[in-house]
Amino acid sequence: MKIFKDEPNFEFMKRRFLAFGASGIIIAVGLVLFFTQGFNQGIDFTGGTKIEVSFRENKTVNDVRNALQKVGLGKAMIQRIGENENKFFIKTGASLEDEKPSGEGEETEESDSGSRGVSRIVESAFESDQEKAEHADKLDLNSVSKQQVTSMLVADDVPRDSAEDSADKIDDLRRKNETGLINTFAEIESLNLTSQALSSLKKGGYLGNFTFLSVEMVGPQVGRDLQQKATLATVWAMIGMLIYIGFRFRFIFGIAAVITLLHDVLVSLTFILLFQIEISLHVVAGILTIVGYSLNDTIVIFDRVRDNLKLMKRQEPTLILDASINQTLSRTIVTSGTTLATVFALFFFGGEVIHSFSFTLLVGVFIGTYSSIFQSCAWLKIWEQKFIGAKKK
């Protein structure tokens, strides 16, 4: 597919030093940001606990922070999800564990630690003393698991089949609501539960004003291991690509490709630093995707360069490189345009969970397209004698 009526004749090589300068400035800004503020690392790399909480009533970040202050978590990172939603991410730098009772062993199961951490926040942060007294010995139907609802009903002499069916319906109702909360018992009454189960739920349960939608916990040692493995994954990916391109083309082509890919990673990290995007495994996946995407465009151009070295033997290297880029320009623009359409949809409609991943891809596609055109062949031009040496001999 062509988007130009006639083959374009842009002189990209004349602008290579302008491109080098622009990229150099961006990377320099990234280095300054790295040494002055550092990355906003997620719990995947630092370890800690990340909770997604949803409230029925309107809350601000300050409201949430003031509540957490009561349990010594006032310094936790709090982020609102969306502009009009009462949902927040709460991230702490350590595992949310209760103090161990006297005589308890040092080793505990990770799931137990998570349960104690969530219980600590529920009971001590977001519930007032009055609410605790009012709902003592009752289950919060907006927070408990299906198993807990089933156990409560069975203990109240509700048949197990009916209890399990009621628990499933309550869980489904919570999931269908955008907030993850059941607002009134009228909603439960509409589920067509047995009268015995409904009576038991009203007697032994209540509807809390908030719920935890997700809880993620990573130990500090796991975080360090993931950090090392993420770095190694990126390095080995580049080494593998260097070897591949060296075999398919020439070694000097592989060097140019790896420098281009390194450029893409550094520029992308600069924008991640600039917008303080949280570094998580999603971002690492995005960066590795960028590396593969950018290399794809670069290989297409290098393949055309290799062909033109045979077809344009009498031409100057600059003309060969410019011609190769111009001949593949339509393909580059069409591929990048269709990819960007998908990435834009992910970024604007994909939700908060994949926001960091889609942002990384969005930046990476732009940078990868730019570098394939202005960087990859520009590095070959610098080593002109290396890649045209065989032709001259």
Protein backbone atom coordinates (compact mmCIF):
# COMPACT_ATOMS: atom_id res chain seq x y z
CA MET A 1 0.00 0.00 0.00
CA LYS A 2 1.37 3.40 -1.03
CA ILE A 3 0.43 6.75 0.46
CA PHE A 4 2.60 8.75 -1.93
CA LYS A 5 1.67 9.06 -5.61
CA ASP A 6 5.33 9.16 -6.57
CA GLU A 7 8.24 7.81 -4.59
CA PRO A 8 9.35 10.53 -2.14
CA ASN A 9 12.83 11.95 -2.27
CA PHE A 10 13.42 13.29 1.26
CA GLU A 11 17.05 13.90 2.18
CA PHE A 12 17.10 12.28 5.62
CA MET A 13 20.87 11.95 5.86
CA LYS A 14 21.32 15.73 5.67
CA ARG A 15 19.28 16.02 8.86
CA ARG A 16 21.03 13.26 10.78
CA PHE A 17 22.98 15.60 13.06
CA LEU A 18 19.79 17.51 13.87
CA ALA A 19 18.20 14.18 14.81
CA PHE A 20 21.25 13.21 16.90
CA GLY A 21 21.07 16.56 18.70
CA ALA A 22 17.34 16.29 19.45
CA SER A 23 17.72 12.75 20.78
CA GLY A 24 20.78 13.75 22.80
CA ILE A 25 18.88 16.57 24.50
CA ILE A 26 15.96 14.27 25.39
CA ILE A 27 18.29 11.61 26.80
CA ALA A 28 20.22 14.26 28.75
CA VAL A 29 16.96 15.46 30.30
CA GLY A 30 16.24 11.86 31.24
CA LEU A 31 19.62 11.51 32.97
CA VAL A 32 19.02 14.70 34.95
CA LEU A 33 15.59 13.44 36.04
CA PHE A 34 17.04 10.04 36.93
CA PHE A 35 19.70 11.49 39.23
CA THR A 36 17.44 14.15 40.77
CA GLN A 37 14.12 12.32 41.30
CA GLY A 38 14.63 8.72 40.18
CA PHE A 39 12.01 6.28 38.91
CA ASN A 40 8.59 5.88 40.46
CA GLN A 41 9.06 2.19 41.15
CA GLY A 42 6.04 0.00 41.74
CA ILE A 43 5.76 -2.75 44.30
CA ASP A 44 6.91 -5.26 41.66
CA PHE A 45 10.42 -3.90 42.23
CA THR A 46 10.39 -2.30 45.68
CA GLY A 47 8.21 -4.79 47.51
CA GLY A 48 5.19 -3.74 49.54
CA THR A 49 1.41 -3.77 49.33
CA LYS A 50 -0.90 -2.19 46.77
CA ILE A 51 -4.63 -2.04 47.43
CA GLU A 52 -7.45 -0.85 45.20
CA VAL A 53 -10.31 0.46 47.33
CA SER A 54 -13.76 1.70 46.30
CA PHE A 55 -16.01 3.95 48.41
CA ARG A 56 -19.76 4.51 48.21
CA GLU A 57 -19.52 8.13 49.38
CA ASN A 58 -17.43 10.88 47.82
CA LYS A 59 -13.86 10.87 49.12
CA THR A 60 -10.76 12.92 48.43
CA VAL A 61 -7.12 11.88 48.62
CA ASN A 62 -6.84 13.86 51.86
CA ASP A 63 -9.82 12.00 53.35
CA VAL A 64 -8.17 8.67 52.61
CA ARG A 65 -4.80 9.87 53.93
CA ASN A 66 -6.33 11.15 57.17
CA ALA A 67 -7.98 7.78 57.73
CA LEU A 68 -4.74 5.91 57.07
CA GLN A 69 -2.92 8.25 59.44
CA LYS A 70 -4.73 6.54 62.31
CA VAL A 71 -2.88 3.28 61.62
CA GLY A 72 0.51 4.82 60.85
CA LEU A 73 0.12 4.72 57.06
CA GLY A 74 -0.18 8.45 56.44
CA LYS A 75 2.88 8.39 54.16
CA ALA A 76 1.38 5.78 51.84
CA MET A 77 1.12 6.73 48.16
CA ILE A 78 -2.55 7.40 47.32
CA GLN A 79 -3.79 7.78 43.76
CA ARG A 80 -7.34 8.43 42.61
CA ILE A 81 -8.54 6.19 39.78
CA GLY A 82 -10.34 8.32 37.23
CA GLU A 83 -11.72 11.80 37.83
CA ASN A 84 -15.29 11.06 38.85
CA GLU A 85 -14.89 7.69 40.55
CA ASN A 86 -14.47 7.07 44.26
CA LYS A 87 -11.73 4.52 43.71
CA PHE A 88 -8.15 4.79 44.91
CA PHE A 89 -4.86 2.93 44.76
CA ILE A 90 -3.06 2.77 48.11
CA LYS A 91 0.57 1.75 47.95
CA THR A 92 2.87 1.24 50.91
CA GLY A 93 6.55 0.44 50.97
CA ALA A 94 6.13 -2.54 53.27
CA SER A 95 3.83 -5.48 53.85
CA LEU A 96 0.71 -4.56 55.83
CA GLU A 97 1.00 -7.05 58.66
CA ASP A 98 -0.47 -6.86 62.13
CA GLU A 99 1.77 -7.14 65.13
CA LYS A 100 2.32 -10.82 65.95
CA PRO A 101 0.81 -12.07 69.16
CA SER A 102 3.19 -13.17 71.86
CA GLY A 103 4.65 -16.60 71.14
CA GLU A 104 3.71 -16.63 67.44
CA GLY A 105 6.35 -18.04 65.11
CA GLU A 106 8.37 -15.87 62.77
CA GLU A 107 7.24 -17.58 59.60
CA THR A 108 3.71 -16.96 58.30
CA GLU A 109 1.89 -17.77 55.11
CA GLU A 110 1.75 -14.94 52.58
CA SER A 111 -2.03 -15.25 52.29
CA ASP A 112 -2.41 -14.91 56.07
CA SER A 113 -0.25 -11.79 56.01
CA GLY A 114 -2.47 -10.34 53.31
CA SER A 115 -5.62 -11.09 55.30
CA ARG A 116 -4.20 -9.44 58.41
CA GLY A 117 -3.11 -6.43 56.38
CA VAL A 118 -6.53 -5.89 54.84
CA SER A 119 -8.23 -6.51 58.19
CA ARG A 120 -6.03 -3.89 59.82
CA ILE A 121 -7.09 -1.22 57.35
CA VAL A 122 -10.77 -2.21 57.35
CA GLU A 123 -11.11 -2.25 61.12
CA SER A 124 -8.77 0.59 62.07
CA ALA A 125 -8.69 3.04 59.19
CA PHE A 126 -11.97 3.35 57.33
CA GLU A 127 -14.45 2.37 60.04
CA SER A 128 -15.33 4.71 62.89
CA ASP A 129 -15.64 3.45 66.45
CA GLN A 130 -19.40 3.93 66.24
CA GLU A 131 -19.62 1.76 63.13
CA LYS A 132 -17.48 -0.93 64.74
CA ALA A 133 -19.76 -1.04 67.77
CA GLU A 134 -22.92 -0.99 65.65
CA HIS A 135 -21.80 -3.85 63.41
CA ALA A 136 -19.98 -5.97 65.97
CA ASP A 137 -20.16 -9.71 65.19
CA LYS A 138 -21.68 -9.02 61.78
CA LEU A 139 -20.20 -9.68 58.33
CA ASP A 140 -19.64 -6.87 55.85
CA LEU A 141 -21.32 -8.31 52.74
CA ASN A 142 -19.37 -5.85 50.57
CA SER A 143 -15.99 -7.18 51.65
CA VAL A 144 -16.23 -10.81 52.74
CA SER A 145 -15.54 -13.77 50.46
CA LYS A 146 -18.10 -16.25 49.16
CA GLN A 147 -16.77 -18.85 51.58
CA GLN A 148 -17.39 -16.56 54.55
CA VAL A 149 -20.95 -15.83 53.43
CA THR A 150 -21.58 -19.55 52.96
CA SER A 151 -20.17 -20.37 56.40
CA MET A 152 -22.33 -17.72 58.07
CA LEU A 153 -25.49 -19.02 56.41
CA VAL A 154 -24.71 -22.67 57.14
CA ALA A 155 -24.04 -21.77 60.80
CA ASP A 156 -27.53 -20.23 60.84
CA ASP A 157 -29.05 -23.56 59.70
CA VAL A 158 -29.46 -22.57 56.05
CA PRO A 159 -29.02 -25.68 53.83
CA ARG A 160 -25.55 -25.75 52.23
CA ASP A 161 -26.86 -25.78 48.64
CA SER A 162 -29.00 -22.72 49.35
CA ALA A 163 -26.13 -21.03 51.22
CA GLU A 164 -23.66 -21.55 48.36
CA ASP A 165 -26.18 -20.35 45.79
CA SER A 166 -26.86 -17.20 47.85
CA ALA A 167 -23.13 -16.52 48.24
CA ASP A 168 -22.60 -16.86 44.48
CA LYS A 169 -25.45 -14.45 43.72
CA ILE A 170 -24.14 -11.85 46.18
CA ASP A 171 -20.64 -12.11 44.70
CA ASP A 172 -22.03 -11.71 41.16
CA LEU A 173 -24.06 -8.67 42.27
CA ARG A 174 -20.93 -6.99 43.64
CA ARG A 175 -19.04 -7.67 40.42
CA LYS A 176 -21.80 -6.26 38.24
CA ASN A 177 -21.87 -2.96 40.12
CA GLU A 178 -19.28 -0.52 38.82
CA THR A 179 -18.20 0.41 42.33
CA GLY A 180 -17.98 -3.19 43.47
CA LEU A 181 -20.45 -2.33 46.24
CA ILE A 182 -24.00 -3.40 47.07
CA ASN A 183 -25.83 -0.21 48.02
CA THR A 184 -29.03 -1.46 49.68
CA PHE A 185 -30.60 -4.70 50.86
CA ALA A 186 -33.27 -4.10 48.22
CA GLU A 187 -30.69 -5.19 45.65
CA ILE A 188 -30.17 -8.43 47.58
CA GLU A 189 -33.93 -8.96 47.83
CA SER A 190 -34.13 -8.82 44.03
CA LEU A 191 -31.86 -11.88 43.78
CA ASN A 192 -34.73 -14.31 44.53
CA LEU A 193 -33.02 -15.89 47.51
CA THR A 194 -34.87 -18.22 49.85
CA SER A 195 -36.64 -16.46 52.69
CA GLN A 196 -34.43 -18.28 55.21
CA ALA A 197 -31.21 -17.17 53.50
CA LEU A 198 -32.45 -13.58 53.11
CA SER A 199 -33.49 -13.40 56.76
CA SER A 200 -30.10 -14.77 57.83
CA LEU A 201 -28.22 -12.23 55.70
CA LYS A 202 -30.19 -9.32 57.17
CA LYS A 203 -29.59 -10.59 60.69
CA GLY A 204 -25.89 -11.45 60.40
CA GLY A 205 -24.67 -9.05 57.72
CA TYR A 206 -24.47 -5.39 56.86
CA LEU A 207 -23.42 -3.32 53.84
CA GLY A 208 -20.17 -1.49 54.42
CA ASN A 209 -19.35 1.85 52.82
CA PHE A 210 -16.22 0.64 51.06
CA THR A 211 -14.63 -2.48 49.63
CA PHE A 212 -11.21 -3.64 48.50
CA LEU A 213 -11.23 -4.56 44.82
CA SER A 214 -7.71 -5.99 44.77
CA VAL A 215 -4.74 -6.55 47.05
CA GLU A 216 -1.21 -7.16 45.73
CA MET A 217 1.73 -8.04 47.96
CA VAL A 218 5.37 -8.45 46.98
CA GLY A 219 8.21 -9.13 49.41
CA PRO A 220 11.37 -6.97 49.19
CA GLN A 221 13.52 -9.92 48.10
CA VAL A 222 11.08 -10.78 45.31
CA GLY A 223 11.12 -7.12 44.25
CA ARG A 224 14.93 -7.12 43.95
CA ASP A 225 14.88 -10.37 41.99
CA LEU A 226 12.30 -9.00 39.57
CA GLN A 227 14.35 -5.83 39.08
CA GLN A 228 17.43 -7.84 38.16
CA LYS A 229 15.51 -10.17 35.86
CA ALA A 230 13.79 -7.27 34.08
CA THR A 231 17.16 -5.65 33.38
CA LEU A 232 18.66 -8.92 32.19
CA ALA A 233 15.66 -9.59 29.94
CA THR A 234 16.19 -6.26 28.16
CA VAL A 235 19.96 -6.76 27.83
CA TRP A 236 19.66 -10.32 26.52
CA ALA A 237 16.98 -9.25 24.06
CA MET A 238 19.37 -6.69 22.57
CA ILE A 239 22.27 -9.16 22.47
CA GLY A 240 20.07 -11.71 20.70
CA MET A 241 19.03 -9.11 18.13
CA LEU A 242 22.64 -8.09 17.57
CA ILE A 243 23.55 -11.71 16.80
CA TYR A 244 20.51 -12.19 14.54
CA ILE A 245 21.12 -9.05 12.47
CA GLY A 246 24.85 -9.79 12.34
CA PHE A 247 24.12 -13.15 10.71
CA ARG A 248 21.35 -11.90 8.42
CA PHE A 249 23.15 -8.77 7.23
CA ARG A 250 26.58 -7.70 8.46
CA PHE A 251 27.88 -7.17 11.95
CA ILE A 252 28.00 -3.38 11.45
CA PHE A 253 24.27 -3.45 10.69
CA GLY A 254 23.73 -5.23 14.02
CA ILE A 255 25.70 -2.55 15.88
CA ALA A 256 23.60 0.20 14.25
CA ALA A 257 20.38 -1.64 15.14
CA VAL A 258 21.34 -2.15 18.79
CA ILE A 259 22.33 1.52 19.17
CA THR A 260 18.96 2.46 17.67
CA LEU A 261 17.14 0.14 20.08
CA LEU A 262 19.13 1.51 23.03
CA HIS A 263 18.13 4.99 21.88
CA ASP A 264 14.45 3.95 21.86
CA VAL A 265 14.67 2.51 25.38
CA LEU A 266 16.45 5.58 26.80
CA VAL A 267 14.04 8.06 25.19
CA SER A 268 11.04 6.04 26.36
CA LEU A 269 12.43 5.94 29.91
CA THR A 270 12.89 9.71 29.76
CA PHE A 271 9.17 10.20 29.10
CA ILE A 272 8.35 7.67 31.83
CA LEU A 273 10.49 9.73 34.22
CA LEU A 274 8.98 13.00 33.00
CA PHE A 275 5.40 11.86 33.60
CA GLN A 276 6.31 9.82 36.70
CA ILE A 277 4.76 6.65 35.32
CA GLU A 278 5.03 3.84 37.85
CA ILE A 279 7.65 1.29 36.84
CA SER A 280 6.05 -2.15 36.98
CA LEU A 281 6.24 -5.43 35.09
CA HIS A 282 3.67 -3.92 32.71
CA VAL A 283 6.18 -1.19 31.79
CA VAL A 284 8.95 -3.76 31.32
CA ALA A 285 6.65 -5.71 28.99
CA GLY A 286 5.96 -2.47 27.12
CA ILE A 287 9.67 -1.71 26.73
CA LEU A 288 10.39 -5.21 25.39
CA THR A 289 7.49 -4.77 22.97
CA ILE A 290 9.00 -1.47 21.83
CA VAL A 291 12.34 -3.18 21.21
CA GLY A 292 10.68 -5.80 19.00
CA TYR A 293 8.50 -3.28 17.18
CA SER A 294 11.33 -0.85 16.43
CA LEU A 295 13.60 -3.66 15.25
CA ASN A 296 10.94 -4.81 12.79
CA ASP A 297 10.96 -1.42 11.01
CA THR A 298 14.75 -1.23 11.14
CA ILE A 299 15.18 -4.67 9.55
CA VAL A 300 12.84 -3.73 6.68
CA ILE A 301 14.96 -0.64 5.95
CA PHE A 302 18.24 -2.55 6.31
CA ASP A 303 16.94 -5.21 3.93
CA ARG A 304 16.29 -2.50 1.33
CA VAL A 305 19.76 -1.04 1.97
CA ARG A 306 21.33 -4.45 1.29
CA ASP A 307 19.42 -4.75 -2.00
CA ASN A 308 20.26 -1.22 -3.07
CA LEU A 309 23.95 -1.77 -2.41
CA LYS A 310 23.79 -4.18 -5.36
CA LEU A 311 21.37 -2.22 -7.54
CA MET A 312 22.93 1.24 -7.02
CA LYS A 313 26.62 0.31 -7.13
CA ARG A 314 27.71 3.61 -8.65
CA GLN A 315 25.73 5.82 -6.31
CA GLU A 316 27.04 7.58 -3.22
CA PRO A 317 26.28 5.95 0.15
CA THR A 318 24.13 8.92 1.17
CA LEU A 319 21.88 8.45 -1.87
CA ILE A 320 21.63 4.71 -1.20
CA LEU A 321 20.55 5.25 2.40
CA ASP A 322 18.06 8.01 1.53
CA ALA A 323 16.58 5.92 -1.28
CA SER A 324 16.18 2.91 1.04
CA ILE A 325 14.30 4.96 3.64
CA ASN A 326 12.10 6.66 1.02
CA GLN A 327 11.23 3.34 -0.65
CA THR A 328 9.99 1.91 2.66
CA LEU A 329 8.46 5.13 3.98
CA SER A 330 4.88 4.31 2.96
CA ARG A 331 5.11 0.94 4.65
CA THR A 332 6.55 2.52 7.82
CA ILE A 333 3.83 5.16 8.04
CA VAL A 334 0.97 2.72 7.39
CA THR A 335 2.28 0.18 9.91
CA SER A 336 2.87 2.82 12.58
CA GLY A 337 -0.49 4.47 11.92
CA THR A 338 -2.51 1.28 12.34
CA THR A 339 -0.50 0.33 15.43
CA LEU A 340 -1.03 3.77 16.96
CA ALA A 341 -4.79 3.51 16.41
CA THR A 342 -4.84 0.38 18.57
CA VAL A 343 -2.50 1.83 21.18
CA PHE A 344 -4.57 5.03 21.43
CA ALA A 345 -7.64 2.89 22.12
CA LEU A 346 -5.75 1.03 24.86
CA PHE A 347 -4.51 4.28 26.38
CA PHE A 348 -7.85 6.11 26.48
CA PHE A 349 -10.24 3.21 27.06
CA GLY A 350 -8.12 0.44 28.55
CA GLY A 351 -8.51 1.58 32.14
CA GLU A 352 -6.11 2.30 34.96
CA VAL A 353 -4.75 -1.24 35.24
CA ILE A 354 -2.96 -1.14 31.87
CA HIS A 355 -2.39 2.63 31.78
CA SER A 356 1.37 2.35 32.33
CA PHE A 357 1.66 -0.36 29.66
CA SER A 358 -0.35 1.57 27.06
CA PHE A 359 1.56 4.81 27.83
CA THR A 360 4.87 3.00 27.28
CA LEU A 361 3.62 1.59 23.99
CA LEU A 362 2.26 4.97 22.87
CA VAL A 363 5.60 6.67 23.42
CA GLY A 364 7.51 3.68 22.07
CA VAL A 365 5.67 3.50 18.75
CA PHE A 366 6.33 7.18 18.09
CA ILE A 367 9.99 6.87 19.09
CA GLY A 368 10.47 3.58 17.22
CA THR A 369 9.11 5.05 13.99
CA TYR A 370 11.26 8.16 14.35
CA SER A 371 14.43 6.18 15.12
CA SER A 372 13.95 3.77 12.22
CA ILE A 373 13.86 6.73 9.85
CA PHE A 374 16.34 9.15 11.42
CA GLN A 375 18.67 7.01 13.53
CA SER A 376 19.26 3.52 12.10
CA CYS A 377 20.67 4.52 8.70
CA ALA A 378 22.31 7.61 10.18
CA TRP A 379 24.60 5.32 12.21
CA LEU A 380 25.48 3.41 9.03
CA LYS A 381 26.37 6.73 7.41
CA ILE A 382 28.82 7.40 10.26
CA TRP A 383 30.52 4.07 9.53
CA GLU A 384 30.20 4.58 5.79
CA GLN A 385 33.42 2.77 4.86
CA LYS A 386 32.42 -0.24 6.93
CA PHE A 387 29.14 -1.02 5.25
CA ILE A 388 30.22 -0.13 1.69
CA GLY A 389 33.74 -1.56 1.98
CA ALA A 390 32.81 -4.89 0.41
CA LYS A 391 31.17 -3.11 -2.52
CA LYS A 392 34.26 -1.02 -3.24
CA LYS A 393 36.53 -4.07 -3.17
